[in-house]
Amino acid sequence: MKKHIYYIILLFFLQGVIHNMGHPVTPAFVRSLLIEDYMFGVFFAAMSLGLMIGGPIWGIQSDRGRRALLAASGLIIYSMGQILFAYAHVSYLMVIFRFIAGFGAVSSITIFTAELIRLSDIKNRAKHLAFAAAASTLGASIGYYLGGFLNQNGLFISLFKTNVYEHIFLIQAILNASFAILVLFLIHNEKASLESAPKTHFIQGLKSITKIDTSLLIFMISLVFMTLGAINLSKYIDVYFDELGYSPSDLGTYVFATGIVSLLSSIFIVPLFAKMKKQLLVIGITHIIASVIVFYVFRGINFLLLMYTVYMVYVIIKAIYTPLEQNYISRYAKENQYGSIMGLRQFFVSLGMVVGPLLGGFIYNIKPLFLFDFSAASFLVGVFLLIFVYLLEKKQMKA
């Protein structure tokens, strides 16, 4: 079982690398097509909508078996969506293909997480989720760096013409298809466990995940606001770097640095927080700190220095949050329904990812600072909702 946990963490890492190769060139690619900046947010929102719709569907289906095949199928769909997005050159078609890419990508995101939870005992679950999050973040950082590097490196430009943005997406899609084949070999064969698992119809599974505890529902809504704030920071920092005149390579190097910080945080800091009993309190306090950091950094004079110093505290907070919220949500999952509950979680995460960039694109066009303030305010709304979760849990304990 331990071996399979390591395999899944490896898959998170490789997925992080491959799925983020296109990100550092996307803002420049969109601008090269003379498409308005706000469409960057629309494209991301379209992909997030695919994640939102696909999450519960892939999750419920994975609880019925054939997890490896489902994950690989979704990855192939993602590759197709990325290629079509790169070569469409028409904004409304690009929106459609971005949706398709998101729908495919969420299969592996949901299934890997559910499988990791299923294989982990309760005591080590948060730690394993932290390692997976760290592997994913480190992979994403390497992917960002690799995408920027390929776009500007003379050798790769001469061999593969990687200065053409479309070629970066094509390379990404080919690597992702190869990754899908690897998934077929590394995901644990779950036939034995499925024999005793209740096989429900898809519609029944969809109905069952809507009947959730009130405190979990409010926590999920809080997750929407936390995600909304975090995703706007993540995606519009890309655009902001480009606007300030930094190159894709500069952006890739910075994101690589955040990956190292996140990795070290997940290995050395997150396990300490995972042992704490009052994890809701930890999430609340850290996000109040995060909002203060965001309010301060984007008003600072030396932007790049602040991003490499003060903002790294936010990166640590983000590394702490993800495994804690996943661990909290997993406590509400029934046996053999980890895919369904993680699919439901992905629905709420993706809702924040849809609404965030759509609002963010228009707010950013008014003034970039307003967008970053909006992210900080979103964190505070999420903390406010966590207070209700805490009060409900306290009430249930007394009952």
Protein backbone atom coordinates (compact mmCIF):
# COMPACT_ATOMS: atom_id res chain seq x y z
CA MET A 1 0.00 0.00 0.00
CA LYS A 2 2.85 2.39 0.85
CA LYS A 3 4.31 1.83 -2.62
CA HIS A 4 1.03 2.88 -4.26
CA ILE A 5 0.90 6.05 -2.14
CA TYR A 6 4.36 6.98 -3.45
CA TYR A 7 3.19 6.27 -6.99
CA ILE A 8 0.25 8.66 -6.60
CA ILE A 9 2.49 11.40 -5.17
CA LEU A 10 4.78 10.89 -8.19
CA LEU A 11 1.76 11.24 -10.50
CA PHE A 12 0.80 14.50 -8.78
CA PHE A 13 4.33 15.79 -9.44
CA LEU A 14 4.39 14.80 -13.12
CA GLN A 15 0.91 16.20 -13.66
CA GLY A 16 2.02 19.48 -12.08
CA VAL A 17 4.95 19.72 -14.49
CA ILE A 18 3.04 18.90 -17.66
CA HIS A 19 -0.20 20.78 -16.96
CA ASN A 20 1.61 24.03 -16.19
CA MET A 21 3.99 24.23 -19.14
CA GLY A 22 1.60 26.41 -21.12
CA HIS A 23 0.85 28.91 -18.36
CA PRO A 24 3.87 31.24 -18.63
CA VAL A 25 3.30 31.76 -22.37
CA THR A 26 -0.51 32.02 -22.28
CA PRO A 27 -0.75 35.79 -21.54
CA ALA A 28 1.74 36.60 -24.32
CA PHE A 29 0.00 34.10 -26.65
CA VAL A 30 -3.40 35.72 -26.10
CA ARG A 31 -1.98 39.20 -26.68
CA SER A 32 -0.18 38.04 -29.84
CA LEU A 33 -3.61 37.16 -31.26
CA LEU A 34 -4.75 40.75 -30.50
CA ILE A 35 -7.39 39.42 -28.11
CA GLU A 36 -8.49 41.70 -25.25
CA ASP A 37 -6.84 41.12 -21.86
CA TYR A 38 -10.19 40.37 -20.19
CA MET A 39 -10.49 37.25 -22.39
CA PHE A 40 -7.59 35.76 -20.46
CA GLY A 41 -10.00 35.56 -17.53
CA VAL A 42 -12.77 34.17 -19.74
CA PHE A 43 -10.51 31.40 -21.04
CA PHE A 44 -9.50 30.43 -17.53
CA ALA A 45 -13.12 30.59 -16.35
CA ALA A 46 -14.17 28.32 -19.24
CA MET A 47 -11.58 25.76 -18.21
CA SER A 48 -12.69 26.07 -14.60
CA LEU A 49 -16.30 25.49 -15.67
CA GLY A 50 -15.14 22.24 -17.25
CA LEU A 51 -13.45 21.36 -13.95
CA MET A 52 -16.62 22.23 -12.02
CA ILE A 53 -18.94 20.10 -14.16
CA GLY A 54 -16.47 17.27 -14.63
CA GLY A 55 -15.42 16.90 -10.98
CA PRO A 56 -18.60 15.23 -9.65
CA ILE A 57 -19.04 13.19 -12.84
CA TRP A 58 -15.54 11.69 -12.84
CA GLY A 59 -15.66 11.31 -9.04
CA ILE A 60 -18.90 9.31 -8.99
CA GLN A 61 -17.80 7.18 -11.93
CA SER A 62 -14.46 6.41 -10.24
CA ASP A 63 -16.28 5.07 -7.16
CA ARG A 64 -17.81 2.45 -9.47
CA GLY A 65 -14.39 1.21 -10.66
CA ARG A 66 -11.88 1.49 -13.55
CA ARG A 67 -10.13 4.47 -11.95
CA ALA A 68 -6.96 4.17 -14.02
CA LEU A 69 -8.87 4.03 -17.32
CA LEU A 70 -11.06 6.98 -16.32
CA ALA A 71 -8.06 9.10 -15.31
CA ALA A 72 -6.21 8.26 -18.53
CA SER A 73 -9.30 9.00 -20.66
CA GLY A 74 -9.67 12.41 -19.07
CA LEU A 75 -6.00 13.19 -19.71
CA ILE A 76 -6.39 12.36 -23.41
CA ILE A 77 -9.39 14.72 -23.58
CA TYR A 78 -7.24 17.40 -21.92
CA SER A 79 -4.51 16.94 -24.57
CA MET A 80 -7.05 17.32 -27.37
CA GLY A 81 -8.48 20.45 -25.76
CA GLN A 82 -5.04 22.05 -25.40
CA ILE A 83 -4.10 21.43 -29.04
CA LEU A 84 -7.41 22.80 -30.32
CA PHE A 85 -7.12 25.84 -28.03
CA ALA A 86 -3.66 26.62 -29.37
CA TYR A 87 -4.52 26.36 -33.06
CA ALA A 88 -8.10 27.74 -33.13
CA HIS A 89 -7.07 31.46 -33.09
CA VAL A 90 -10.74 32.44 -32.79
CA SER A 91 -11.75 33.61 -29.32
CA TYR A 92 -15.17 31.93 -29.07
CA LEU A 93 -13.78 28.60 -30.29
CA MET A 94 -10.89 28.93 -27.84
CA VAL A 95 -13.42 29.31 -25.02
CA ILE A 96 -15.11 26.03 -26.05
CA PHE A 97 -11.82 24.14 -26.30
CA ARG A 98 -10.71 25.52 -22.94
CA PHE A 99 -13.89 24.08 -21.42
CA ILE A 100 -13.15 20.68 -22.98
CA ALA A 101 -9.59 20.76 -21.62
CA GLY A 102 -10.88 21.51 -18.12
CA PHE A 103 -13.47 18.74 -18.26
CA GLY A 104 -10.74 16.25 -19.14
CA ALA A 105 -8.08 17.50 -16.71
CA VAL A 106 -10.30 17.18 -13.65
CA SER A 107 -10.54 13.41 -14.01
CA SER A 108 -6.99 12.82 -12.81
CA ILE A 109 -7.15 15.63 -10.22
CA THR A 110 -10.22 14.07 -8.59
CA ILE A 111 -9.20 10.43 -8.93
CA PHE A 112 -5.63 10.89 -7.68
CA THR A 113 -6.86 12.73 -4.58
CA ALA A 114 -9.59 10.18 -3.85
CA GLU A 115 -7.18 7.29 -4.32
CA LEU A 116 -4.63 8.87 -1.97
CA ILE A 117 -7.29 9.34 0.72
CA ARG A 118 -8.55 5.78 0.22
CA LEU A 119 -5.08 4.30 0.68
CA SER A 120 -4.07 6.49 3.65
CA ASP A 121 -4.99 5.77 7.25
CA ILE A 122 -6.65 8.63 9.14
CA LYS A 123 -3.51 9.35 11.19
CA ASN A 124 -1.30 9.94 8.12
CA ARG A 125 -3.92 11.26 5.71
CA ALA A 126 -3.18 14.99 6.16
CA LYS A 127 0.56 14.31 5.87
CA HIS A 128 0.14 12.37 2.63
CA LEU A 129 -2.15 15.08 1.23
CA ALA A 130 0.49 17.65 2.16
CA PHE A 131 3.19 15.68 0.33
CA ALA A 132 0.90 15.36 -2.71
CA ALA A 133 0.17 19.10 -2.65
CA ALA A 134 3.90 19.82 -2.35
CA ALA A 135 4.70 17.48 -5.23
CA SER A 136 2.01 19.12 -7.35
CA THR A 137 3.21 22.63 -6.51
CA LEU A 138 6.85 21.76 -7.14
CA GLY A 139 5.82 20.15 -10.41
CA ALA A 140 3.81 23.24 -11.34
CA SER A 141 6.81 25.44 -10.59
CA ILE A 142 9.07 23.29 -12.76
CA GLY A 143 6.38 23.32 -15.46
CA TYR A 144 6.23 27.12 -15.38
CA TYR A 145 10.01 27.32 -15.55
CA LEU A 146 10.17 24.74 -18.34
CA GLY A 147 7.51 26.52 -20.40
CA GLY A 148 9.35 29.84 -20.17
CA PHE A 149 12.71 28.15 -20.78
CA LEU A 150 11.55 26.31 -23.90
CA ASN A 151 10.07 29.51 -25.29
CA GLN A 152 13.37 31.41 -25.04
CA ASN A 153 16.15 28.80 -25.27
CA GLY A 154 18.10 29.01 -28.52
CA LEU A 155 18.67 25.27 -28.89
CA PHE A 156 15.00 24.35 -28.51
CA ILE A 157 13.95 27.24 -30.75
CA SER A 158 16.24 25.95 -33.53
CA LEU A 159 15.11 22.33 -33.06
CA PHE A 160 11.37 22.71 -32.37
CA LYS A 161 10.62 26.39 -33.06
CA THR A 162 9.44 26.82 -29.47
CA ASN A 163 9.40 30.60 -29.90
CA VAL A 164 6.09 29.86 -31.67
CA TYR A 165 3.62 29.74 -28.77
CA GLU A 166 1.47 27.04 -30.36
CA HIS A 167 4.40 24.62 -30.31
CA ILE A 168 4.65 24.87 -26.51
CA PHE A 169 1.02 23.70 -26.23
CA LEU A 170 1.67 20.91 -28.76
CA ILE A 171 4.69 19.64 -26.79
CA GLN A 172 2.60 19.81 -23.62
CA ALA A 173 -0.20 17.76 -25.21
CA ILE A 174 2.21 15.05 -26.43
CA LEU A 175 3.84 14.76 -22.99
CA ASN A 176 0.39 14.60 -21.39
CA ALA A 177 -0.69 11.75 -23.67
CA SER A 178 2.44 9.85 -22.61
CA PHE A 179 1.57 10.62 -18.99
CA ALA A 180 -1.89 9.08 -19.54
CA ILE A 181 -0.24 5.80 -20.54
CA LEU A 182 1.90 5.87 -17.39
CA VAL A 183 -1.24 6.35 -15.26
CA LEU A 184 -2.63 3.06 -16.59
CA PHE A 185 0.35 1.25 -15.08
CA LEU A 186 0.72 3.10 -11.77
CA ILE A 187 -2.84 3.50 -10.47
CA HIS A 188 -3.61 0.66 -8.06
CA ASN A 189 -5.74 -2.21 -9.40
CA GLU A 190 -8.88 -1.77 -7.32
CA LYS A 191 -10.90 -4.82 -8.47
CA ALA A 192 -10.77 -6.58 -5.11
CA SER A 193 -12.02 -3.59 -3.16
CA LEU A 194 -14.82 -2.97 -5.61
CA GLU A 195 -16.38 -6.38 -5.13
CA SER A 196 -17.64 -5.34 -1.70
CA ALA A 197 -18.43 -1.76 -2.70
CA PRO A 198 -22.06 -0.84 -3.37
CA LYS A 199 -22.50 0.00 -7.05
CA THR A 200 -25.00 2.80 -7.40
CA HIS A 201 -26.44 4.29 -10.55
CA PHE A 202 -24.77 7.54 -11.63
CA ILE A 203 -27.90 9.65 -10.99
CA GLN A 204 -28.28 8.11 -7.52
CA GLY A 205 -24.66 8.96 -6.82
CA LEU A 206 -25.22 12.54 -7.94
CA LYS A 207 -28.25 12.87 -5.65
CA SER A 208 -26.43 11.35 -2.67
CA ILE A 209 -23.62 13.92 -2.66
CA THR A 210 -26.16 16.77 -2.55
CA LYS A 211 -27.38 15.54 0.87
CA ILE A 212 -24.50 16.89 2.92
CA ASP A 213 -24.12 18.15 6.46
CA THR A 214 -24.86 21.88 6.96
CA SER A 215 -21.45 22.59 8.48
CA LEU A 216 -19.75 20.88 5.53
CA LEU A 217 -21.86 22.90 3.08
CA ILE A 218 -20.84 26.19 4.72
CA PHE A 219 -17.22 25.01 4.75
CA MET A 220 -17.51 24.31 1.02
CA ILE A 221 -18.91 27.81 0.42
CA SER A 222 -15.97 29.20 2.41
CA LEU A 223 -13.75 27.13 0.12
CA VAL A 224 -15.26 28.97 -2.86
CA PHE A 225 -14.16 32.35 -1.49
CA MET A 226 -10.72 31.08 -0.46
CA THR A 227 -10.25 29.64 -3.96
CA LEU A 228 -11.60 32.78 -5.61
CA GLY A 229 -8.99 34.89 -3.85
CA ALA A 230 -6.13 32.45 -4.41
CA ILE A 231 -6.85 31.82 -8.09
CA ASN A 232 -7.06 35.52 -8.93
CA LEU A 233 -3.70 36.04 -7.26
CA SER A 234 -2.20 33.07 -9.08
CA LYS A 235 -3.50 33.89 -12.55
CA TYR A 236 -3.28 37.67 -12.55
CA ILE A 237 0.22 37.68 -11.13
CA ASP A 238 1.06 36.06 -14.51
CA VAL A 239 -0.56 38.98 -16.34
CA TYR A 240 0.89 41.54 -13.92
CA PHE A 241 4.44 40.24 -14.48
CA ASP A 242 3.89 40.58 -18.23
CA GLU A 243 2.43 44.09 -17.84
CA LEU A 244 5.39 45.25 -15.73
CA GLY A 245 7.74 44.14 -18.51
CA TYR A 246 9.06 40.90 -17.05
CA SER A 247 9.68 38.01 -19.46
CA PRO A 248 8.08 34.53 -19.38
CA SER A 249 11.46 33.32 -18.11
CA ASP A 250 11.31 35.79 -15.18
CA LEU A 251 7.82 34.55 -14.34
CA GLY A 252 8.89 30.92 -14.64
CA THR A 253 11.87 31.49 -12.34
CA TYR A 254 9.69 33.18 -9.72
CA VAL A 255 7.06 30.42 -9.78
CA PHE A 256 9.84 27.85 -9.50
CA ALA A 257 11.01 29.63 -6.32
CA THR A 258 7.46 29.48 -4.90
CA GLY A 259 7.44 25.76 -5.60
CA ILE A 260 10.61 25.24 -3.56
CA VAL A 261 9.13 27.24 -0.66
CA SER A 262 5.87 25.28 -0.90
CA LEU A 263 7.73 21.97 -0.99
CA LEU A 264 9.79 22.78 2.11
CA SER A 265 6.66 24.06 3.88
CA SER A 266 4.76 20.87 3.11
CA ILE A 267 7.58 18.66 4.35
CA PHE A 268 8.53 20.54 7.52
CA ILE A 269 5.64 22.87 8.47
CA VAL A 270 2.39 21.24 7.33
CA PRO A 271 2.87 18.03 9.39
CA LEU A 272 3.10 20.21 12.52
CA PHE A 273 -0.18 21.97 11.71
CA ALA A 274 -1.80 18.65 10.73
CA LYS A 275 -1.35 17.44 14.32
CA MET A 276 -3.31 20.39 15.72
CA LYS A 277 -6.88 19.64 16.77
CA LYS A 278 -8.28 23.13 16.11
CA GLN A 279 -7.62 23.14 12.37
CA LEU A 280 -10.51 25.48 11.58
CA LEU A 281 -8.88 28.07 13.83
CA VAL A 282 -5.56 27.56 12.03
CA ILE A 283 -7.22 28.07 8.64
CA GLY A 284 -8.97 31.23 9.85
CA ILE A 285 -5.92 32.89 11.44
CA THR A 286 -3.60 32.09 8.54
CA HIS A 287 -6.03 33.59 6.02
CA ILE A 288 -6.38 36.79 8.02
CA ILE A 289 -2.58 37.02 7.81
CA ALA A 290 -2.77 36.24 4.08
CA SER A 291 -5.19 39.11 3.45
CA VAL A 292 -2.87 41.55 5.27
CA ILE A 293 0.09 40.35 3.17
CA VAL A 294 -1.80 40.86 -0.09
CA PHE A 295 -2.99 44.33 0.91
CA TYR A 296 0.62 45.29 1.68
CA VAL A 297 2.71 43.65 -1.06
CA PHE A 298 0.92 45.11 -4.08
CA ARG A 299 1.23 48.60 -2.62
CA GLY A 300 4.96 48.20 -2.05
CA ILE A 301 7.66 50.05 -3.97
CA ASN A 302 10.04 47.20 -4.90
CA PHE A 303 7.57 44.68 -6.31
CA LEU A 304 9.97 41.87 -7.17
CA LEU A 305 11.78 42.06 -3.81
CA LEU A 306 8.48 41.89 -1.92
CA MET A 307 7.34 38.95 -4.04
CA TYR A 308 10.50 37.02 -3.16
CA THR A 309 10.27 37.88 0.56
CA VAL A 310 6.98 38.96 2.20
CA TYR A 311 4.74 37.24 -0.35
CA MET A 312 6.48 33.94 0.33
CA VAL A 313 4.70 33.89 3.71
CA TYR A 314 1.43 33.71 1.75
CA VAL A 315 2.91 30.83 -0.29
CA ILE A 316 3.55 28.98 2.99
CA ILE A 317 -0.03 29.67 4.14
CA LYS A 318 -1.39 28.30 0.87
CA ALA A 319 0.72 25.15 1.32
CA ILE A 320 -0.77 24.70 4.79
CA TYR A 321 -4.39 25.29 3.71
CA THR A 322 -4.88 22.74 0.93
CA PRO A 323 -4.12 19.51 2.86
CA LEU A 324 -6.01 20.79 5.91
CA GLU A 325 -9.19 21.52 3.96
CA GLN A 326 -8.95 18.24 2.04
CA ASN A 327 -8.47 16.34 5.28
CA TYR A 328 -11.44 18.14 6.86
CA ILE A 329 -13.71 17.30 3.91
CA SER A 330 -12.56 13.65 3.79
CA ARG A 331 -13.92 13.15 7.33
CA TYR A 332 -17.44 13.39 5.87
CA ALA A 333 -16.84 10.73 3.19
CA LYS A 334 -18.46 7.31 3.48
CA GLU A 335 -16.48 4.16 2.71
CA ASN A 336 -15.97 3.68 -1.06
CA GLN A 337 -17.29 7.19 -1.79
CA TYR A 338 -14.04 9.14 -1.64
CA GLY A 339 -14.27 9.91 -5.35
CA SER A 340 -17.76 11.37 -4.93
CA ILE A 341 -16.83 13.62 -1.99
CA MET A 342 -13.64 14.81 -3.74
CA GLY A 343 -15.68 15.42 -6.88
CA LEU A 344 -18.07 17.53 -4.82
CA ARG A 345 -15.11 19.41 -3.35
CA GLN A 346 -13.80 20.00 -6.86
CA PHE A 347 -17.21 21.44 -7.82
CA PHE A 348 -16.93 24.13 -5.15
CA VAL A 349 -13.23 24.77 -5.82
CA SER A 350 -13.97 25.16 -9.52
CA LEU A 351 -16.91 27.45 -8.80
CA GLY A 352 -14.40 29.83 -7.23
CA MET A 353 -12.14 29.30 -10.22
CA VAL A 354 -14.98 30.23 -12.61
CA VAL A 355 -16.31 33.28 -10.78
CA GLY A 356 -12.87 34.56 -9.74
CA PRO A 357 -11.25 35.10 -13.16
CA LEU A 358 -14.51 36.35 -14.73
CA LEU A 359 -14.84 39.08 -12.11
CA GLY A 360 -11.08 39.45 -11.92
CA GLY A 361 -10.68 40.17 -15.62
CA PHE A 362 -13.02 43.14 -15.50
CA ILE A 363 -11.68 44.40 -12.15
CA TYR A 364 -8.09 44.11 -13.43
CA ASN A 365 -8.97 46.19 -16.49
CA ILE A 366 -10.21 48.97 -14.19
CA LYS A 367 -7.08 48.88 -12.02
CA PRO A 368 -4.78 45.95 -11.16
CA LEU A 369 -4.57 46.97 -7.49
CA PHE A 370 -8.36 46.61 -7.14
CA LEU A 371 -8.06 42.98 -8.27
CA PHE A 372 -5.51 42.14 -5.59
CA ASP A 373 -7.57 43.96 -2.94
CA PHE A 374 -10.58 41.92 -4.06
CA SER A 375 -8.58 38.72 -3.47
CA ALA A 376 -7.65 39.82 0.06
CA ALA A 377 -11.30 40.66 0.80
CA SER A 378 -12.35 37.21 -0.48
CA PHE A 379 -10.10 35.58 2.11
CA LEU A 380 -11.79 37.58 4.86
CA VAL A 381 -15.27 36.51 3.66
CA GLY A 382 -14.08 32.89 3.75
CA VAL A 383 -12.86 33.35 7.33
CA PHE A 384 -16.21 34.88 8.31
CA LEU A 385 -18.00 31.75 7.02
CA LEU A 386 -15.63 29.51 8.98
CA ILE A 387 -16.89 31.16 12.16
CA PHE A 388 -20.36 29.74 11.38
CA VAL A 389 -18.84 26.30 10.75
CA TYR A 390 -17.11 26.45 14.14
CA LEU A 391 -20.33 27.49 15.91
CA LEU A 392 -22.34 24.71 14.22
CA GLU A 393 -19.79 22.07 15.18
CA LYS A 394 -19.75 23.34 18.75
CA LYS A 395 -23.55 23.14 18.84
CA GLN A 396 -23.52 19.57 17.46
CA MET A 397 -20.99 18.49 20.10
CA LYS A 398 -23.27 19.77 22.89
CA ALA A 399 -26.37 18.09 21.42
